[in-house]
N, C-alpha and C. Protein backbone atom coordinates (compact mmCIF):
# COMPACT_ATOMS: atom_id res chain seq x y z
N VAL A 1 19.77 17.46 38.63
CA VAL A 1 20.55 16.77 37.62
C VAL A 1 19.66 15.83 36.82
N VAL A 2 18.82 15.08 37.50
CA VAL A 2 17.95 14.11 36.82
C VAL A 2 17.00 14.82 35.87
N ARG A 3 16.51 15.97 36.25
CA ARG A 3 15.55 16.69 35.42
C ARG A 3 16.18 17.11 34.09
N SER A 4 17.45 17.43 34.05
CA SER A 4 18.08 17.88 32.81
C SER A 4 18.71 16.75 32.00
N THR A 5 18.63 15.53 32.52
CA THR A 5 19.18 14.38 31.80
C THR A 5 18.26 14.00 30.66
N ALA A 6 18.81 13.66 29.51
CA ALA A 6 18.01 13.23 28.36
C ALA A 6 17.27 11.95 28.71
N ASP A 7 16.01 11.88 28.32
CA ASP A 7 15.17 10.71 28.56
C ASP A 7 15.69 9.55 27.70
N PRO A 8 16.08 8.42 28.32
CA PRO A 8 16.64 7.32 27.53
C PRO A 8 15.62 6.71 26.57
N LEU A 9 14.34 6.74 26.92
CA LEU A 9 13.31 6.21 26.01
C LEU A 9 13.25 7.07 24.76
N VAL A 10 13.27 8.38 24.92
CA VAL A 10 13.25 9.28 23.77
C VAL A 10 14.49 9.07 22.93
N SER A 11 15.64 8.92 23.56
CA SER A 11 16.89 8.69 22.82
C SER A 11 16.80 7.42 21.97
N LYS A 12 16.27 6.36 22.53
CA LYS A 12 16.12 5.11 21.77
C LYS A 12 15.13 5.28 20.62
N GLN A 13 14.05 6.03 20.86
CA GLN A 13 13.08 6.25 19.80
C GLN A 13 13.65 7.12 18.69
N LEU A 14 14.50 8.11 19.04
CA LEU A 14 15.15 8.92 18.02
C LEU A 14 16.00 8.05 17.10
N VAL A 15 16.75 7.13 17.69
CA VAL A 15 17.59 6.23 16.89
C VAL A 15 16.72 5.33 16.02
N SER A 16 15.66 4.78 16.60
CA SER A 16 14.77 3.89 15.84
C SER A 16 14.12 4.60 14.66
N VAL A 17 13.66 5.81 14.88
CA VAL A 17 13.04 6.59 13.81
C VAL A 17 14.06 6.88 12.72
N ALA A 18 15.27 7.28 13.10
CA ALA A 18 16.32 7.58 12.11
C ALA A 18 16.67 6.34 11.30
N GLU A 19 16.78 5.19 11.95
CA GLU A 19 17.09 3.96 11.24
C GLU A 19 15.97 3.57 10.28
N ALA A 20 14.72 3.73 10.70
CA ALA A 20 13.58 3.41 9.83
C ALA A 20 13.55 4.35 8.62
N GLN A 21 13.81 5.63 8.85
CA GLN A 21 13.85 6.59 7.75
C GLN A 21 14.99 6.26 6.78
N MET A 22 16.16 5.90 7.33
CA MET A 22 17.29 5.57 6.46
C MET A 22 16.99 4.33 5.62
N GLU A 23 16.40 3.34 6.24
CA GLU A 23 16.05 2.13 5.49
C GLU A 23 15.07 2.46 4.36
N SER A 24 14.11 3.31 4.65
CA SER A 24 13.15 3.73 3.63
C SER A 24 13.84 4.45 2.47
N GLU A 25 14.80 5.32 2.78
CA GLU A 25 15.53 6.04 1.73
C GLU A 25 16.39 5.08 0.91
N MET A 26 17.04 4.15 1.57
CA MET A 26 17.92 3.21 0.86
C MET A 26 17.13 2.29 -0.09
N LEU A 27 15.86 2.09 0.18
CA LEU A 27 15.03 1.25 -0.69
C LEU A 27 14.53 2.00 -1.92
N ARG A 28 14.63 3.32 -1.92
CA ARG A 28 14.22 4.11 -3.08
C ARG A 28 15.23 3.94 -4.21
N SER A 29 14.78 4.24 -5.42
CA SER A 29 15.73 4.24 -6.52
C SER A 29 16.66 5.44 -6.33
N PHE A 30 17.84 5.37 -6.88
CA PHE A 30 18.87 6.39 -6.67
C PHE A 30 18.35 7.79 -7.02
N VAL A 31 17.66 7.93 -8.14
CA VAL A 31 17.20 9.25 -8.59
C VAL A 31 16.07 9.79 -7.73
N ASP A 32 15.37 8.93 -6.99
CA ASP A 32 14.25 9.37 -6.15
C ASP A 32 14.66 9.81 -4.75
N ILE A 33 15.93 9.68 -4.42
CA ILE A 33 16.41 10.11 -3.10
C ILE A 33 16.65 11.61 -3.16
N THR A 34 15.78 12.35 -2.46
CA THR A 34 15.85 13.81 -2.47
C THR A 34 15.66 14.35 -1.05
N THR A 35 15.95 15.62 -0.88
CA THR A 35 15.76 16.28 0.41
C THR A 35 14.26 16.48 0.64
N HIS A 36 13.79 16.10 1.84
CA HIS A 36 12.38 16.29 2.18
C HIS A 36 12.19 16.19 3.69
N SER A 37 11.00 16.51 4.15
CA SER A 37 10.72 16.43 5.59
C SER A 37 9.50 15.56 5.87
N THR A 38 9.19 14.64 4.98
CA THR A 38 8.10 13.70 5.20
C THR A 38 8.61 12.57 6.08
N CYS A 39 7.91 12.32 7.17
CA CYS A 39 8.35 11.27 8.10
C CYS A 39 7.23 10.25 8.27
N THR A 40 7.38 9.12 7.62
CA THR A 40 6.37 8.06 7.74
C THR A 40 6.58 7.23 9.00
N ALA A 41 7.74 7.31 9.62
CA ALA A 41 8.05 6.49 10.79
C ALA A 41 7.98 7.27 12.10
N CYS A 42 7.56 8.53 12.04
CA CYS A 42 7.59 9.37 13.24
C CYS A 42 6.35 9.19 14.13
N PRO A 43 6.57 8.89 15.41
CA PRO A 43 5.46 8.94 16.36
C PRO A 43 5.06 10.40 16.59
N PRO A 44 3.90 10.65 17.19
CA PRO A 44 3.50 12.04 17.46
C PRO A 44 4.56 12.81 18.25
N GLY A 45 4.82 14.03 17.82
CA GLY A 45 5.79 14.88 18.49
C GLY A 45 7.20 14.82 17.91
N TYR A 46 7.48 13.82 17.09
CA TYR A 46 8.80 13.66 16.48
C TYR A 46 8.78 14.27 15.09
N ALA A 47 9.91 14.78 14.65
CA ALA A 47 10.04 15.34 13.30
C ALA A 47 11.34 14.84 12.69
N SER A 48 11.32 14.69 11.38
CA SER A 48 12.49 14.17 10.68
C SER A 48 12.71 14.95 9.40
N THR A 49 13.98 15.21 9.10
CA THR A 49 14.36 15.83 7.85
C THR A 49 15.39 14.95 7.16
N VAL A 50 15.17 14.70 5.88
CA VAL A 50 16.12 13.93 5.07
C VAL A 50 16.82 14.92 4.14
N THR A 51 18.14 14.91 4.18
CA THR A 51 18.94 15.75 3.29
C THR A 51 19.77 14.84 2.40
N ALA A 52 19.63 15.03 1.10
CA ALA A 52 20.40 14.24 0.14
C ALA A 52 21.24 15.20 -0.70
N ASP A 53 22.55 15.01 -0.68
CA ASP A 53 23.43 15.84 -1.49
C ASP A 53 24.48 14.97 -2.15
N SER A 54 25.15 15.54 -3.12
CA SER A 54 26.19 14.82 -3.84
C SER A 54 27.55 15.38 -3.44
N PRO A 55 28.26 14.66 -2.58
CA PRO A 55 29.59 15.13 -2.18
C PRO A 55 30.58 14.89 -3.31
N SER A 56 31.82 15.18 -3.06
CA SER A 56 32.84 14.91 -4.06
C SER A 56 32.97 13.41 -4.28
N ALA A 57 33.76 13.03 -5.25
CA ALA A 57 33.95 11.61 -5.55
C ALA A 57 34.29 10.84 -4.28
N TRP A 58 33.83 9.61 -4.21
CA TRP A 58 34.02 8.79 -3.01
C TRP A 58 34.52 7.41 -3.41
N GLU A 59 35.67 7.03 -2.89
CA GLU A 59 36.25 5.71 -3.17
C GLU A 59 36.35 5.44 -4.68
N GLY A 60 36.67 6.48 -5.44
CA GLY A 60 36.84 6.33 -6.88
C GLY A 60 35.55 6.39 -7.68
N ILE A 61 34.41 6.56 -7.02
CA ILE A 61 33.12 6.66 -7.70
C ILE A 61 32.85 8.14 -7.96
N PRO A 62 32.52 8.51 -9.20
CA PRO A 62 32.29 9.92 -9.51
C PRO A 62 31.16 10.52 -8.66
N SER A 63 31.25 11.81 -8.37
CA SER A 63 30.28 12.47 -7.50
C SER A 63 28.85 12.38 -8.03
N ALA A 64 28.67 12.31 -9.35
CA ALA A 64 27.32 12.18 -9.92
C ALA A 64 26.66 10.87 -9.53
N ASN A 65 27.46 9.90 -9.10
CA ASN A 65 26.93 8.59 -8.73
C ASN A 65 26.99 8.31 -7.24
N VAL A 66 27.12 9.37 -6.44
CA VAL A 66 27.18 9.23 -4.98
C VAL A 66 26.21 10.21 -4.35
N LYS A 67 25.44 9.75 -3.38
CA LYS A 67 24.60 10.64 -2.58
C LYS A 67 24.90 10.39 -1.12
N ARG A 68 25.07 11.49 -0.39
CA ARG A 68 25.19 11.40 1.06
C ARG A 68 23.80 11.68 1.62
N ILE A 69 23.30 10.76 2.41
CA ILE A 69 21.95 10.89 2.98
C ILE A 69 22.10 11.17 4.47
N THR A 70 21.51 12.27 4.91
CA THR A 70 21.55 12.66 6.32
C THR A 70 20.13 12.69 6.85
N ILE A 71 19.90 11.95 7.92
CA ILE A 71 18.60 11.93 8.58
C ILE A 71 18.74 12.66 9.91
N ASP A 72 17.97 13.72 10.10
CA ASP A 72 17.95 14.47 11.37
C ASP A 72 16.57 14.25 12.00
N VAL A 73 16.54 13.69 13.20
CA VAL A 73 15.29 13.45 13.91
C VAL A 73 15.31 14.26 15.20
N THR A 74 14.20 14.92 15.50
CA THR A 74 14.11 15.73 16.72
C THR A 74 12.85 15.41 17.50
N TYR A 75 12.95 15.59 18.79
CA TYR A 75 11.80 15.53 19.70
C TYR A 75 12.09 16.51 20.81
N GLY A 76 11.33 17.59 20.86
CA GLY A 76 11.61 18.64 21.84
C GLY A 76 13.00 19.20 21.64
N THR A 77 13.82 19.13 22.69
CA THR A 77 15.19 19.66 22.60
C THR A 77 16.21 18.57 22.25
N GLN A 78 15.76 17.32 22.13
CA GLN A 78 16.68 16.23 21.82
C GLN A 78 16.71 15.98 20.31
N SER A 79 17.87 15.57 19.82
CA SER A 79 17.99 15.29 18.39
C SER A 79 19.00 14.17 18.17
N PHE A 80 18.91 13.59 16.97
CA PHE A 80 19.82 12.52 16.57
C PHE A 80 20.04 12.65 15.08
N GLN A 81 21.27 12.41 14.63
CA GLN A 81 21.61 12.49 13.21
C GLN A 81 22.25 11.18 12.77
N LEU A 82 21.79 10.68 11.62
CA LEU A 82 22.33 9.45 11.03
C LEU A 82 22.74 9.77 9.60
N ILE A 83 23.97 9.40 9.24
CA ILE A 83 24.50 9.72 7.90
C ILE A 83 24.97 8.43 7.22
N SER A 84 24.63 8.32 5.94
CA SER A 84 25.07 7.18 5.14
C SER A 84 25.29 7.64 3.71
N ARG A 85 25.84 6.76 2.89
CA ARG A 85 26.04 7.06 1.47
C ARG A 85 25.34 6.00 0.65
N ARG A 86 24.88 6.43 -0.53
CA ARG A 86 24.25 5.51 -1.48
C ARG A 86 24.92 5.76 -2.81
N THR A 87 25.23 4.70 -3.52
CA THR A 87 25.88 4.85 -4.82
C THR A 87 24.99 4.32 -5.93
N ASN A 88 25.23 4.84 -7.11
CA ASN A 88 24.57 4.40 -8.32
C ASN A 88 25.70 4.02 -9.28
N TYR A 89 26.35 2.94 -8.94
CA TYR A 89 27.58 2.61 -9.64
C TYR A 89 27.63 1.13 -9.96
N ALA A 90 27.93 0.83 -11.18
CA ALA A 90 28.15 -0.56 -11.59
C ALA A 90 29.43 -0.59 -12.41
N PRO A 91 30.40 -1.39 -12.00
CA PRO A 91 31.67 -1.42 -12.74
C PRO A 91 31.53 -1.97 -14.14
């Protein structure tokens, strides 16, 4: 049982990498947020993919001004996904 249990250190690092990647994406300008697999926060052996898409309108903001950002981080067979939204909206 112990052998098949997910390593808690790896789990914490997956979350940390995803949060660092998300922070990096949120600091970009709205138009520069794109899908890519460059991971500046990944330790050796970890991989990250950033997916940016425009869902339908959200909370009254037109879809052209909304991006859903999904960060997928993997290490071996373990993975973690973090999702957030970014808007380009000024009333």
